[in-house]
Amino acid sequence: MRRTLLFASAGVAAIICVAALAFAEVTVGNAAPALVVPELNGKSFDLSALHGKVVIVNFWATWCPPCRKEMPALDAFYRRYHGDGLEMIGVSTDRPHDRSDVIKAMQSLSYPVAIMSDATVDDFGTPDALPMTVIVDGNGVVRAKFTPDQTPVTEKSLADAVLPLLPQNSGGHAALNPNDPNAKP
């Protein structure tokens, strides 16, 4: 966002451009902000490079009990649908010197994780609340945003938001009702 301000000084007009320091607003229906960050396993995560995939971006911290509580549901969902066009990244907001705590917290989980301060591009900015989970469709559009005060992450909330976005030819996993007896486990 840029604002142009006009100042008059001694009869001379000067135009000064001021870049706003506000971070991108994560809004359902808008394009997802850019995110490029190295994962702890050394691979690079670039949200824009995942065109055609549904992506879950989960912001969390080791010191955040609600974050830790939802991680098993995120992991189970990722394990179940990763082969069907779902990608995920857990972005820890912990400080860089807490890297060992992040690694320890992720030992039993299978989805990739990164530390926010390592990002080379982070237009998401610092979340207002933790945890914050964003669902991005295959076209790079934000389709859902979960926070504990509005819609917490559960396997059902994930299924409701993500399954309709997955390709219909994904082996039957994209059933709209995850409790459908005809849906494949």
C-alpha atoms as a PDB file:
ATOM      1  CA  MET A   1       0.000   0.000   0.000  1.00  0.00           C
ATOM      2  CA  ARG A   2       1.417   3.402  -0.891  1.00  0.00           C
ATOM      3  CA  ARG A   3       0.167   6.820   0.022  1.00  0.00           C
ATOM      4  CA  THR A   4       1.286   9.991  -1.661  1.00  0.00           C
ATOM      5  CA  LEU A   5       1.453  13.048   0.548  1.00  0.00           C
ATOM      6  CA  LEU A   6       1.896  16.555  -0.776  1.00  0.00           C
ATOM      7  CA  PHE A   7       3.837  19.001   1.355  1.00  0.00           C
ATOM      8  CA  ALA A   8       4.456  22.664   0.532  1.00  0.00           C
ATOM      9  CA  SER A   9       7.709  24.067   1.806  1.00  0.00           C
ATOM     10  CA  ALA A  10       8.801  27.655   1.037  1.00  0.00           C
ATOM     11  CA  GLY A  11       6.551  27.666  -2.008  1.00  0.00           C
ATOM     12  CA  VAL A  12       8.080  24.492  -3.411  1.00  0.00           C
ATOM     13  CA  ALA A  13       5.891  21.409  -3.609  1.00  0.00           C
ATOM     14  CA  ALA A  14       7.504  18.132  -2.749  1.00  0.00           C
ATOM     15  CA  ILE A  15       5.901  14.770  -3.232  1.00  0.00           C
ATOM     16  CA  ILE A  16       6.803  12.163  -0.694  1.00  0.00           C
ATOM     17  CA  CYS A  17       5.774   8.549  -1.051  1.00  0.00           C
ATOM     18  CA  VAL A  18       5.284   6.724   2.179  1.00  0.00           C
ATOM     19  CA  ALA A  19       5.096   2.953   2.152  1.00  0.00           C
ATOM     20  CA  ALA A  20       2.708   1.683   4.760  1.00  0.00           C
ATOM     21  CA  LEU A  21       4.238  -0.827   7.110  1.00  0.00           C
ATOM     22  CA  ALA A  22       1.047  -2.835   7.491  1.00  0.00           C
ATOM     23  CA  PHE A  23       1.185  -6.504   6.630  1.00  0.00           C
ATOM     24  CA  ALA A  24      -1.046  -8.137   4.049  1.00  0.00           C
ATOM     25  CA  GLU A  25      -4.520  -8.845   5.359  1.00  0.00           C
ATOM     26  CA  VAL A  26      -5.344 -12.525   5.105  1.00  0.00           C
ATOM     27  CA  THR A  27      -8.902 -12.348   3.803  1.00  0.00           C
ATOM     28  CA  VAL A  28     -11.061 -15.197   2.573  1.00  0.00           C
ATOM     29  CA  GLY A  29     -11.664 -14.726  -1.146  1.00  0.00           C
ATOM     30  CA  ASN A  30      -8.455 -12.777  -1.760  1.00  0.00           C
ATOM     31  CA  ALA A  31      -5.155 -13.995  -3.153  1.00  0.00           C
ATOM     32  CA  ALA A  32      -2.931 -15.588  -0.525  1.00  0.00           C
ATOM     33  CA  PRO A  33       0.032 -13.497   0.611  1.00  0.00           C
ATOM     34  CA  ALA A  34       3.454 -14.626  -0.586  1.00  0.00           C
ATOM     35  CA  LEU A  35       5.445 -16.998   1.602  1.00  0.00           C
ATOM     36  CA  VAL A  36       8.907 -18.407   0.905  1.00  0.00           C
ATOM     37  CA  VAL A  37      10.627 -20.099   3.819  1.00  0.00           C
ATOM     38  CA  PRO A  38      13.204 -22.858   4.308  1.00  0.00           C
ATOM     39  CA  GLU A  39      11.770 -25.922   6.022  1.00  0.00           C
ATOM     40  CA  LEU A  40      13.694 -27.399   8.936  1.00  0.00           C
ATOM     41  CA  ASN A  41      14.520 -30.407   6.735  1.00  0.00           C
ATOM     42  CA  GLY A  42      16.393 -28.118   4.318  1.00  0.00           C
ATOM     43  CA  LYS A  43      13.803 -28.026   1.535  1.00  0.00           C
ATOM     44  CA  SER A  44      12.360 -24.726   0.390  1.00  0.00           C
ATOM     45  CA  PHE A  45       8.662 -23.961   0.752  1.00  0.00           C
ATOM     46  CA  ASP A  46       7.287 -21.462  -1.777  1.00  0.00           C
ATOM     47  CA  LEU A  47       3.514 -21.041  -1.613  1.00  0.00           C
ATOM     48  CA  SER A  48       3.323 -19.591  -5.133  1.00  0.00           C
ATOM     49  CA  ALA A  49       5.085 -22.675  -6.556  1.00  0.00           C
ATOM     50  CA  LEU A  50       2.279 -24.941  -5.311  1.00  0.00           C
ATOM     51  CA  HIS A  51      -0.240 -23.856  -7.969  1.00  0.00           C
ATOM     52  CA  GLY A  52      -2.781 -26.639  -8.461  1.00  0.00           C
ATOM     53  CA  LYS A  53      -2.403 -27.906  -4.876  1.00  0.00           C
ATOM     54  CA  VAL A  54      -4.547 -27.138  -1.870  1.00  0.00           C
ATOM     55  CA  VAL A  55      -2.288 -25.789   0.888  1.00  0.00           C
ATOM     56  CA  ILE A  56      -2.749 -25.514   4.634  1.00  0.00           C
ATOM     57  CA  VAL A  57      -0.564 -22.854   6.265  1.00  0.00           C
ATOM     58  CA  ASN A  58      -0.587 -23.178  10.053  1.00  0.00           C
ATOM     59  CA  PHE A  59       1.009 -20.501  12.252  1.00  0.00           C
ATOM     60  CA  TRP A  60       1.839 -21.793  15.723  1.00  0.00           C
ATOM     61  CA  ALA A  61       4.314 -21.625  18.616  1.00  0.00           C
ATOM     62  CA  THR A  62       5.716 -24.162  21.048  1.00  0.00           C
ATOM     63  CA  TRP A  63       4.532 -22.085  24.039  1.00  0.00           C
ATOM     64  CA  CYS A  64       0.914 -21.937  22.737  1.00  0.00           C
ATOM     65  CA  PRO A  65      -1.360 -24.645  24.274  1.00  0.00           C
ATOM     66  CA  PRO A  66      -4.171 -24.226  21.679  1.00  0.00           C
ATOM     67  CA  CYS A  67      -1.550 -24.604  18.928  1.00  0.00           C
ATOM     68  CA  ARG A  68      -0.222 -27.838  20.380  1.00  0.00           C
ATOM     69  CA  LYS A  69      -3.772 -29.139  20.934  1.00  0.00           C
ATOM     70  CA  GLU A  70      -4.729 -28.875  17.240  1.00  0.00           C
ATOM     71  CA  MET A  71      -1.468 -30.314  15.850  1.00  0.00           C
ATOM     72  CA  PRO A  72      -2.579 -33.985  16.003  1.00  0.00           C
ATOM     73  CA  ALA A  73      -5.712 -33.168  13.962  1.00  0.00           C
ATOM     74  CA  LEU A  74      -3.600 -31.270  11.420  1.00  0.00           C
ATOM     75  CA  ASP A  75      -1.147 -34.155  11.218  1.00  0.00           C
ATOM     76  CA  ALA A  76      -3.856 -36.812  10.791  1.00  0.00           C
ATOM     77  CA  PHE A  77      -5.515 -34.741   8.064  1.00  0.00           C
ATOM     78  CA  TYR A  78      -2.205 -34.152   6.287  1.00  0.00           C
ATOM     79  CA  ARG A  79      -1.301 -37.852   6.400  1.00  0.00           C
ATOM     80  CA  ARG A  80      -4.694 -38.842   5.020  1.00  0.00           C
ATOM     81  CA  TYR A  81      -4.909 -36.354   2.139  1.00  0.00           C
ATOM     82  CA  HIS A  82      -1.300 -35.503   1.246  1.00  0.00           C
ATOM     83  CA  GLY A  83      -1.411 -37.962  -1.664  1.00  0.00           C
ATOM     84  CA  ASP A  84      -4.585 -36.334  -2.990  1.00  0.00           C
ATOM     85  CA  GLY A  85      -3.157 -32.894  -3.771  1.00  0.00           C
ATOM     86  CA  LEU A  86      -2.871 -31.463  -0.235  1.00  0.00           C
ATOM     87  CA  GLU A  87       0.286 -29.694   0.921  1.00  0.00           C
ATOM     88  CA  MET A  88       0.948 -28.174   4.305  1.00  0.00           C
ATOM     89  CA  ILE A  89       3.460 -26.092   6.202  1.00  0.00           C
ATOM     90  CA  GLY A  90       3.605 -25.380   9.908  1.00  0.00           C
ATOM     91  CA  VAL A  91       5.183 -21.972  10.451  1.00  0.00           C
ATOM     92  CA  SER A  92       6.518 -21.558  13.973  1.00  0.00           C
ATOM     93  CA  THR A  93       6.543 -18.041  15.361  1.00  0.00           C
ATOM     94  CA  ASP A  94       9.112 -19.081  17.963  1.00  0.00           C
ATOM     95  CA  ARG A  95      12.357 -17.139  18.159  1.00  0.00           C
ATOM     96  CA  PRO A  96      15.350 -18.492  16.223  1.00  0.00           C
ATOM     97  CA  HIS A  97      17.146 -19.580  19.411  1.00  0.00           C
ATOM     98  CA  ASP A  98      14.131 -21.814  20.234  1.00  0.00           C
ATOM     99  CA  ARG A  99      14.784 -23.986  17.151  1.00  0.00           C
ATOM    100  CA  SER A 100      15.486 -27.072  19.291  1.00  0.00           C
ATOM    101  CA  ASP A 101      12.078 -26.688  20.990  1.00  0.00           C
ATOM    102  CA  VAL A 102      10.403 -26.507  17.565  1.00  0.00           C
ATOM    103  CA  ILE A 103      12.249 -29.624  16.382  1.00  0.00           C
ATOM    104  CA  LYS A 104      11.264 -31.481  19.561  1.00  0.00           C
ATOM    105  CA  ALA A 105       7.587 -30.471  19.205  1.00  0.00           C
ATOM    106  CA  MET A 106       7.519 -31.760  15.614  1.00  0.00           C
ATOM    107  CA  GLN A 107       9.205 -35.147  16.245  1.00  0.00           C
ATOM    108  CA  SER A 108       5.973 -37.146  16.183  1.00  0.00           C
ATOM    109  CA  LEU A 109       4.354 -35.148  13.362  1.00  0.00           C
ATOM    110  CA  SER A 110       4.780 -35.710   9.640  1.00  0.00           C
ATOM    111  CA  TYR A 111       4.048 -32.362   8.013  1.00  0.00           C
ATOM    112  CA  PRO A 112       6.845 -29.916   7.119  1.00  0.00           C
ATOM    113  CA  VAL A 113       7.693 -27.072   9.463  1.00  0.00           C
ATOM    114  CA  ALA A 114       9.616 -23.826   9.218  1.00  0.00           C
ATOM    115  CA  ILE A 115      10.468 -20.934  11.494  1.00  0.00           C
ATOM    116  CA  MET A 116       8.878 -17.621  10.546  1.00  0.00           C
ATOM    117  CA  SER A 117      12.010 -15.568  11.160  1.00  0.00           C
ATOM    118  CA  ASP A 118      13.852 -17.662   8.530  1.00  0.00           C
ATOM    119  CA  ALA A 119      11.425 -16.597   5.774  1.00  0.00           C
ATOM    120  CA  THR A 120      12.928 -14.819   2.795  1.00  0.00           C
ATOM    121  CA  VAL A 121       9.456 -13.619   1.808  1.00  0.00           C
ATOM    122  CA  ASP A 122       6.631 -13.372   4.355  1.00  0.00           C
ATOM    123  CA  ASP A 123       3.738 -11.207   3.285  1.00  0.00           C
ATOM    124  CA  PHE A 124       1.508 -12.911   5.863  1.00  0.00           C
ATOM    125  CA  GLY A 125       3.267 -10.948   8.581  1.00  0.00           C
ATOM    126  CA  THR A 126       2.875 -11.713  12.260  1.00  0.00           C
ATOM    127  CA  PRO A 127      -0.506 -13.290  13.023  1.00  0.00           C
ATOM    128  CA  ASP A 128      -2.834 -11.345  15.331  1.00  0.00           C
ATOM    129  CA  ALA A 129      -3.621 -14.547  17.219  1.00  0.00           C
ATOM    130  CA  LEU A 130      -2.201 -18.027  17.521  1.00  0.00           C
ATOM    131  CA  PRO A 131      -2.886 -20.525  16.232  1.00  0.00           C
ATOM    132  CA  MET A 132      -3.933 -19.251  12.820  1.00  0.00           C
ATOM    133  CA  THR A 133      -4.571 -21.671   9.976  1.00  0.00           C
ATOM    134  CA  VAL A 134      -5.163 -20.582   6.390  1.00  0.00           C
ATOM    135  CA  ILE A 135      -6.539 -22.793   3.607  1.00  0.00           C
ATOM    136  CA  VAL A 136      -5.357 -21.825   0.108  1.00  0.00           C
ATOM    137  CA  ASP A 137      -6.945 -23.366  -2.987  1.00  0.00           C
ATOM    138  CA  GLY A 138      -5.152 -24.552  -6.126  1.00  0.00           C
ATOM    139  CA  ASN A 139      -5.473 -21.091  -7.678  1.00  0.00           C
ATOM    140  CA  GLY A 140      -3.762 -19.360  -4.757  1.00  0.00           C
ATOM    141  CA  VAL A 141      -6.946 -17.936  -3.219  1.00  0.00           C
ATOM    142  CA  VAL A 142      -7.601 -18.000   0.536  1.00  0.00           C
ATOM    143  CA  ARG A 143     -10.684 -20.170   1.070  1.00  0.00           C
ATOM    144  CA  ALA A 144     -10.771 -20.387   4.879  1.00  0.00           C
ATOM    145  CA  LYS A 145      -9.063 -18.922   7.923  1.00  0.00           C
ATOM    146  CA  PHE A 146      -9.254 -20.637  11.301  1.00  0.00           C
ATOM    147  CA  THR A 147      -8.531 -19.015  14.656  1.00  0.00           C
ATOM    148  CA  PRO A 148      -9.526 -20.341  18.088  1.00  0.00           C
ATOM    149  CA  ASP A 149     -11.924 -17.441  18.708  1.00  0.00           C
ATOM    150  CA  GLN A 150     -13.849 -18.012  15.459  1.00  0.00           C
ATOM    151  CA  THR A 151     -13.443 -21.472  13.918  1.00  0.00           C
ATOM    152  CA  PRO A 152     -11.000 -23.780  15.654  1.00  0.00           C
ATOM    153  CA  VAL A 153      -9.141 -26.475  13.714  1.00  0.00           C
ATOM    154  CA  THR A 154     -10.719 -29.900  14.023  1.00  0.00           C
ATOM    155  CA  GLU A 155     -10.755 -32.801  11.596  1.00  0.00           C
ATOM    156  CA  LYS A 156     -14.354 -31.815  10.732  1.00  0.00           C
ATOM    157  CA  SER A 157     -13.581 -28.120  10.139  1.00  0.00           C
ATOM    158  CA  LEU A 158     -10.620 -29.139   7.975  1.00  0.00           C
ATOM    159  CA  ALA A 159     -12.741 -31.638   6.033  1.00  0.00           C
ATOM    160  CA  ASP A 160     -15.483 -29.065   5.458  1.00  0.00           C
ATOM    161  CA  ALA A 161     -13.004 -26.483   4.157  1.00  0.00           C
ATOM    162  CA  VAL A 162     -10.486 -28.646   2.286  1.00  0.00           C
ATOM    163  CA  LEU A 163     -12.225 -31.684   0.807  1.00  0.00           C
ATOM    164  CA  PRO A 164     -14.404 -29.716  -1.647  1.00  0.00           C
ATOM    165  CA  LEU A 165     -11.205 -28.091  -2.976  1.00  0.00           C
ATOM    166  CA  LEU A 166      -9.305 -31.311  -3.671  1.00  0.00           C
ATOM    167  CA  PRO A 167      -9.437 -32.744  -7.192  1.00  0.00           C
ATOM    168  CA  GLN A 168     -12.519 -34.909  -7.700  1.00  0.00           C
ATOM    169  CA  ASN A 169     -10.373 -37.673  -9.192  1.00  0.00           C
ATOM    170  CA  SER A 170      -8.402 -38.136  -5.979  1.00  0.00           C
ATOM    171  CA  GLY A 171      -9.507 -41.658  -5.243  1.00  0.00           C
ATOM    172  CA  GLY A 172     -12.792 -40.733  -3.607  1.00  0.00           C
ATOM    173  CA  HIS A 173     -11.286 -38.712  -0.767  1.00  0.00           C
ATOM    174  CA  ALA A 174     -12.966 -35.524  -1.936  1.00  0.00           C
ATOM    175  CA  ALA A 175     -16.402 -36.579  -0.726  1.00  0.00           C
ATOM    176  CA  LEU A 176     -18.156 -33.567   0.753  1.00  0.00           C
ATOM    177  CA  ASN A 177     -19.156 -35.562   3.830  1.00  0.00           C
ATOM    178  CA  PRO A 178     -16.164 -37.140   5.583  1.00  0.00           C
ATOM    179  CA  ASN A 179     -18.572 -39.453   7.454  1.00  0.00           C
ATOM    180  CA  ASP A 180     -19.990 -40.828   4.179  1.00  0.00           C
ATOM    181  CA  PRO A 181     -19.772 -44.645   4.381  1.00  0.00           C
ATOM    182  CA  ASN A 182     -18.861 -44.694   0.682  1.00  0.00           C
ATOM    183  CA  ALA A 183     -15.851 -42.433   1.178  1.00  0.00           C
ATOM    184  CA  LYS A 184     -12.535 -44.237   1.164  1.00  0.00           C
ATOM    185  CA  PRO A 185     -10.587 -44.079   4.443  1.00  0.00           C
END
